[in-house]
Amino acid sequence: MRKQLIGWLGVALLAVGGTAQAGLIWANNASSGAPYIQAYNSATGALVHEFLSPHSGNGRGVVQVGNILYYTLVGNGNIYRMSAVDGSNLGSPITTTVRSMSTIGWDGSAFWTSDYTGNANAYRIDPATGTTIKTVSLVNAGRHYDGLEYFNGKLIANRGDARTGGIYDVYDINGNLLTADFLKTGESSTGIAFDGTDFYVSNLYKHTVSVFDGTTGGLLRVLSLDPAARQKSIEDLSFDYAAREDTGGGNPPSIPEPGTLALLGLGAFLLAWTRRRMHQH
């Protein structure tokens, strides 16, 4: 019986929280109501998940770190949390000191977000307190720019709100311009994601993603996204930062999912019951 109980406990702990699928690119849709947070197969463009946010507002940023999705709404200083497994709300948001955020990224220990109040700033945000750790000005980023990503110790940002031409420049984390015109989509492009090798850029009005070589900036392909997806105006994109070497896989402070709490409780009960039985014999 003791071995059987230990086996049950092992199964329960392995099942904690489920697992998010690999090979997915997450997207936050612009919406006047509540945004859909969607996951697409990054090779085929097929829609895999479609979760409706419980919070109303115009969707902007999204970050995946393991089984947790972090997302933003325009005109709102909160970073909300959602399960990447089943879309469930994960409790209170992280309240920041930024009045309005657009696309966001993660550097392994803090968020980076683009200003959506009309300034060309980028902010590094403490995930525990929501305070602004660092503010940098991006010289080529226009008013209400809405594409920003952290990668390999640098930042890449576009030049304006879905500006035609889709130009993205590379900066260091102090805001110094390193490479101008690194990516050019020729589209009205917004969010950008890095998979550890290449860049993926969302083309707002075409429901496509342009894929660029992460070293040369050359266009590799254009990925058409599943037409079955609702609200096709995608603002931001994200791969799983926990799977990327340049971010170290660090996770922001978070609360356990409801299923996780239940399984951990079951595990604790089984361990206590086993110990009690051992002392009785």
Protein backbone atom coordinates (compact mmCIF):
# COMPACT_ATOMS: atom_id res chain seq x y z
CA MET A 1 0.00 0.00 0.00
CA ARG A 2 2.85 2.38 0.87
CA LYS A 3 4.46 1.92 -2.57
CA GLN A 4 1.10 2.42 -4.24
CA LEU A 5 0.52 5.69 -2.37
CA ILE A 6 3.96 6.96 -3.28
CA GLY A 7 3.21 6.12 -6.91
CA TRP A 8 -0.05 8.07 -6.77
CA LEU A 9 1.81 11.01 -5.26
CA GLY A 10 4.38 10.93 -8.06
CA VAL A 11 1.67 10.98 -10.71
CA ALA A 12 -0.07 13.89 -8.96
CA LEU A 13 3.09 15.97 -8.73
CA LEU A 14 4.01 15.30 -12.36
CA ALA A 15 0.56 16.49 -13.38
CA VAL A 16 0.78 19.78 -11.45
CA GLY A 17 -0.51 22.66 -13.56
CA GLY A 18 -0.21 20.84 -16.89
CA THR A 19 2.33 22.05 -19.43
CA ALA A 20 2.22 24.68 -22.14
CA GLN A 21 2.99 23.38 -25.61
CA ALA A 22 6.25 24.07 -27.39
CA GLY A 23 6.47 25.58 -30.88
CA LEU A 24 3.74 28.15 -30.23
CA ILE A 25 3.73 31.87 -30.82
CA TRP A 26 1.28 33.84 -28.66
CA ALA A 27 -0.60 36.91 -29.86
CA ASN A 28 -2.67 39.67 -28.22
CA ASN A 29 -5.46 41.06 -30.38
CA ALA A 30 -6.48 44.69 -30.51
CA SER A 31 -10.13 44.97 -29.50
CA SER A 32 -12.59 47.60 -28.35
CA GLY A 33 -14.13 45.04 -26.00
CA ALA A 34 -11.95 42.35 -24.45
CA PRO A 35 -8.98 40.90 -26.33
CA TYR A 36 -8.39 37.31 -27.29
CA ILE A 37 -5.01 35.89 -26.31
CA GLN A 38 -4.23 33.36 -29.03
CA ALA A 39 -1.57 30.74 -29.70
CA TYR A 40 -0.56 29.76 -33.22
CA ASN A 41 1.67 26.99 -34.52
CA SER A 42 4.81 28.93 -35.46
CA ALA A 43 5.49 26.65 -38.45
CA THR A 44 2.01 26.37 -39.99
CA GLY A 45 0.03 29.32 -38.57
CA ALA A 46 -2.72 27.00 -37.30
CA LEU A 47 -4.73 28.30 -34.34
CA VAL A 48 -4.04 26.15 -31.26
CA HIS A 49 -5.51 28.15 -28.35
CA GLU A 50 -7.93 31.08 -28.15
CA PHE A 51 -8.56 32.54 -24.68
CA LEU A 52 -10.87 35.51 -24.04
CA SER A 53 -9.54 38.01 -21.50
CA PRO A 54 -11.85 38.68 -18.53
CA HIS A 55 -10.71 42.31 -18.61
CA SER A 56 -12.15 44.84 -21.06
CA GLY A 57 -9.87 47.06 -23.10
CA ASN A 58 -7.81 47.37 -26.23
CA GLY A 59 -5.32 44.49 -26.15
CA ARG A 60 -1.63 45.22 -26.66
CA GLY A 61 1.30 43.37 -25.07
CA VAL A 62 1.79 39.67 -24.36
CA VAL A 63 4.63 37.70 -22.74
CA GLN A 64 4.79 33.94 -22.18
CA VAL A 65 7.03 32.63 -19.40
CA GLY A 66 6.43 28.90 -18.97
CA ASN A 67 2.78 28.25 -18.18
CA ILE A 68 1.93 31.89 -17.49
CA LEU A 69 0.87 34.62 -19.93
CA TYR A 70 1.31 38.28 -19.03
CA TYR A 71 -0.62 40.84 -21.09
CA THR A 72 -1.48 44.54 -21.22
CA LEU A 73 -4.34 46.82 -22.29
CA VAL A 74 -4.04 50.35 -23.71
CA GLY A 75 -4.63 53.18 -21.22
CA ASN A 76 -4.09 50.80 -18.34
CA GLY A 77 -1.13 50.48 -15.97
CA ASN A 78 -1.70 46.82 -15.15
CA ILE A 79 0.05 43.66 -16.32
CA TYR A 80 -2.53 40.86 -16.16
CA ARG A 81 -1.85 37.14 -15.70
CA MET A 82 -3.49 34.19 -17.46
CA SER A 83 -2.78 30.46 -17.62
CA ALA A 84 -1.14 29.39 -20.89
CA VAL A 85 -2.68 25.95 -20.36
CA ASP A 86 -6.40 26.73 -20.04
CA GLY A 87 -6.73 30.55 -20.14
CA SER A 88 -7.85 30.86 -16.52
CA ASN A 89 -7.35 34.17 -14.75
CA LEU A 90 -4.43 33.99 -12.29
CA GLY A 91 -5.53 36.57 -9.76
CA SER A 92 -4.59 40.18 -9.13
CA PRO A 93 -2.57 41.99 -11.82
CA ILE A 94 0.84 43.58 -11.39
CA THR A 95 0.10 47.29 -11.01
CA THR A 96 2.85 49.40 -12.56
CA THR A 97 3.74 53.08 -12.44
CA VAL A 98 3.39 53.40 -16.25
CA ARG A 99 0.11 55.08 -17.26
CA SER A 100 -0.29 53.24 -20.57
CA MET A 101 1.77 50.36 -21.95
CA SER A 102 1.98 48.80 -25.36
CA THR A 103 4.02 45.73 -26.30
CA ILE A 104 6.12 44.08 -23.60
CA GLY A 105 9.11 41.77 -23.24
CA TRP A 106 10.95 39.89 -20.48
CA ASP A 107 14.72 39.87 -19.80
CA GLY A 108 14.82 37.04 -17.24
CA SER A 109 14.23 39.19 -14.18
CA ALA A 110 12.12 42.19 -15.27
CA PHE A 111 9.63 43.31 -17.91
CA TRP A 112 10.43 45.81 -20.67
CA THR A 113 7.47 47.78 -22.01
CA SER A 114 6.94 50.46 -24.63
CA ASP A 115 5.31 53.78 -23.77
CA TYR A 116 1.83 54.36 -25.22
CA THR A 117 1.27 57.90 -23.96
CA GLY A 118 2.98 59.64 -26.88
CA ASN A 119 6.58 59.37 -25.68
CA ALA A 120 9.47 57.42 -27.19
CA ASN A 121 10.41 55.79 -23.89
CA ALA A 122 11.01 52.19 -22.90
CA TYR A 123 10.60 51.12 -19.28
CA ARG A 124 12.11 48.27 -17.27
CA ILE A 125 9.50 47.14 -14.75
CA ASP A 126 10.04 45.28 -11.46
CA PRO A 127 7.64 42.28 -11.55
CA ALA A 128 7.29 42.14 -7.75
CA THR A 129 6.42 45.79 -7.08
CA GLY A 130 5.43 47.17 -10.49
CA THR A 131 7.82 50.09 -10.05
CA THR A 132 9.92 51.45 -12.91
CA ILE A 133 13.53 50.34 -12.50
CA LYS A 134 14.85 52.14 -15.55
CA THR A 135 13.64 54.57 -18.22
CA VAL A 136 15.39 54.95 -21.57
CA SER A 137 14.56 57.09 -24.60
CA LEU A 138 14.65 55.47 -28.05
CA VAL A 139 15.70 58.09 -30.58
CA ASN A 140 13.95 56.59 -33.64
CA ALA A 141 10.77 55.44 -31.88
CA GLY A 142 7.87 57.73 -32.81
CA ARG A 143 4.81 58.66 -30.77
CA HIS A 144 2.79 55.65 -29.61
CA TYR A 145 5.28 53.13 -30.99
CA ASP A 146 3.95 49.62 -30.47
CA GLY A 147 6.71 47.11 -31.17
CA LEU A 148 9.35 46.27 -28.55
CA GLU A 149 11.33 43.13 -27.73
CA TYR A 150 14.27 42.23 -25.50
CA PHE A 151 16.84 39.88 -27.03
CA ASN A 152 20.49 38.96 -26.33
CA GLY A 153 20.98 41.90 -23.95
CA LYS A 154 19.51 44.43 -26.42
CA LEU A 155 16.19 46.00 -27.41
CA ILE A 156 14.52 46.15 -30.80
CA ALA A 157 11.69 48.62 -31.45
CA ASN A 158 9.59 49.94 -34.30
CA ARG A 159 9.07 53.59 -35.18
CA GLY A 160 5.40 54.24 -34.64
CA ASP A 161 1.84 53.00 -34.26
CA ALA A 162 1.55 50.47 -37.09
CA ARG A 163 3.58 52.81 -39.25
CA THR A 164 3.64 51.76 -42.90
CA GLY A 165 7.09 50.50 -43.81
CA GLY A 166 7.52 48.46 -40.64
CA ILE A 167 11.02 49.63 -39.73
CA TYR A 168 12.68 48.23 -36.58
CA ASP A 169 15.89 49.55 -34.98
CA VAL A 170 18.23 47.90 -32.46
CA TYR A 171 19.31 49.64 -29.23
CA ASP A 172 21.37 48.74 -26.19
CA ILE A 173 19.57 48.62 -22.84
CA ASN A 174 20.61 52.23 -22.14
CA GLY A 175 18.74 53.40 -25.25
CA ASN A 176 21.78 53.99 -27.47
CA LEU A 177 21.06 53.26 -31.14
CA LEU A 178 23.13 50.30 -32.35
CA THR A 179 21.64 49.41 -35.75
CA ALA A 180 19.14 51.52 -37.67
CA ASP A 181 16.72 49.89 -40.16
CA PHE A 182 17.61 46.37 -39.03
CA LEU A 183 14.21 44.98 -40.09
CA LYS A 184 11.90 46.29 -42.81
CA THR A 185 8.56 44.58 -43.35
CA GLY A 186 7.01 46.99 -45.86
CA GLU A 187 3.75 46.52 -43.93
CA SER A 188 1.82 48.18 -41.11
CA SER A 189 3.62 46.12 -38.49
CA THR A 190 3.41 46.17 -34.71
CA GLY A 191 4.46 43.47 -32.22
CA ILE A 192 7.71 41.57 -32.45
CA ALA A 193 8.93 38.30 -30.88
CA PHE A 194 12.29 36.52 -30.79
CA ASP A 195 12.45 32.70 -30.68
CA GLY A 196 16.13 32.61 -29.72
CA THR A 197 17.22 32.61 -33.38
CA ASP A 198 14.82 34.62 -35.57
CA PHE A 199 12.38 37.54 -35.29
CA TYR A 200 8.64 37.27 -35.92
CA VAL A 201 6.76 40.51 -36.68
CA SER A 202 2.96 40.85 -36.77
CA ASN A 203 1.44 42.62 -39.77
CA LEU A 204 -1.59 44.30 -38.24
CA TYR A 205 -4.06 44.39 -41.12
CA LYS A 206 -3.10 41.26 -43.08
CA HIS A 207 -3.22 38.60 -40.33
CA THR A 208 0.28 37.50 -41.29
CA VAL A 209 3.64 37.30 -39.54
CA SER A 210 6.92 38.17 -41.26
CA VAL A 211 9.88 36.03 -40.16
CA PHE A 212 13.38 37.53 -40.28
CA ASP A 213 16.87 36.12 -39.77
CA GLY A 214 17.99 37.17 -36.30
CA THR A 215 21.59 37.78 -37.44
CA THR A 216 21.28 39.42 -40.85
CA GLY A 217 17.77 40.89 -40.64
CA GLY A 218 16.89 39.27 -43.99
CA LEU A 219 13.31 38.18 -44.66
CA LEU A 220 12.93 34.38 -44.45
CA ARG A 221 9.21 33.82 -45.02
CA VAL A 222 5.73 35.17 -44.40
CA LEU A 223 3.49 33.07 -42.18
CA SER A 224 -0.27 33.24 -42.83
CA LEU A 225 -2.29 32.86 -39.64
CA ASP A 226 -5.39 30.71 -39.29
CA PRO A 227 -8.44 32.59 -40.67
CA ALA A 228 -10.61 30.86 -38.03
CA ALA A 229 -9.14 33.13 -35.34
CA ARG A 230 -11.42 35.87 -34.01
CA GLN A 231 -10.36 39.55 -33.98
CA LYS A 232 -7.51 39.42 -36.45
CA SER A 233 -5.77 42.73 -35.64
CA ILE A 234 -2.77 41.31 -33.78
CA GLU A 235 -0.70 43.81 -31.80
CA ASP A 236 2.00 41.82 -29.99
CA LEU A 237 3.68 38.43 -30.18
CA SER A 238 5.64 36.23 -27.78
CA PHE A 239 7.50 32.95 -27.65
CA ASP A 240 8.16 31.23 -24.33
CA TYR A 241 10.90 33.22 -22.62
CA ALA A 242 11.50 30.30 -20.24
CA ALA A 243 12.83 28.31 -23.21
CA ARG A 244 15.26 31.02 -24.32
CA GLU A 245 18.93 31.01 -23.32
CA ASP A 246 19.27 34.80 -23.49
CA THR A 247 16.71 35.31 -20.70
CA GLY A 248 17.93 32.48 -18.50
CA GLY A 249 14.41 31.11 -18.20
CA GLY A 250 13.73 33.24 -15.11
CA ASN A 251 10.13 33.40 -13.92
CA PRO A 252 8.37 36.46 -12.46
CA PRO A 253 6.71 36.08 -9.04
CA SER A 254 3.33 34.45 -9.56
CA ILE A 255 0.53 32.64 -7.78
CA PRO A 256 -0.13 28.91 -8.35
CA GLU A 257 -2.95 27.96 -10.66
CA PRO A 258 -6.08 26.48 -8.97
CA GLY A 259 -5.29 23.00 -10.30
CA THR A 260 -1.77 23.28 -8.95
CA LEU A 261 -3.02 24.14 -5.47
CA ALA A 262 -5.41 21.18 -5.45
CA LEU A 263 -2.74 18.71 -6.52
CA LEU A 264 -0.22 20.07 -4.03
CA GLY A 265 -2.84 19.68 -1.32
CA LEU A 266 -3.43 16.07 -2.38
CA GLY A 267 0.29 15.42 -2.29
CA ALA A 268 0.62 16.85 1.21
CA PHE A 269 -2.33 14.74 2.42
CA LEU A 270 -0.89 11.53 0.99
CA LEU A 271 2.51 12.18 2.56
CA ALA A 272 0.97 12.88 5.97
CA TRP A 273 -1.25 9.76 5.74
CA THR A 274 1.74 7.59 4.81
CA ARG A 275 3.82 8.88 7.73
CA ARG A 276 0.95 8.26 10.14
CA ARG A 277 0.53 4.68 8.92
CA MET A 278 4.28 4.06 9.31
CA HIS A 279 4.25 5.29 12.92
CA GLN A 280 1.25 3.05 13.74
CA HIS A 281 3.13 -0.10 12.71
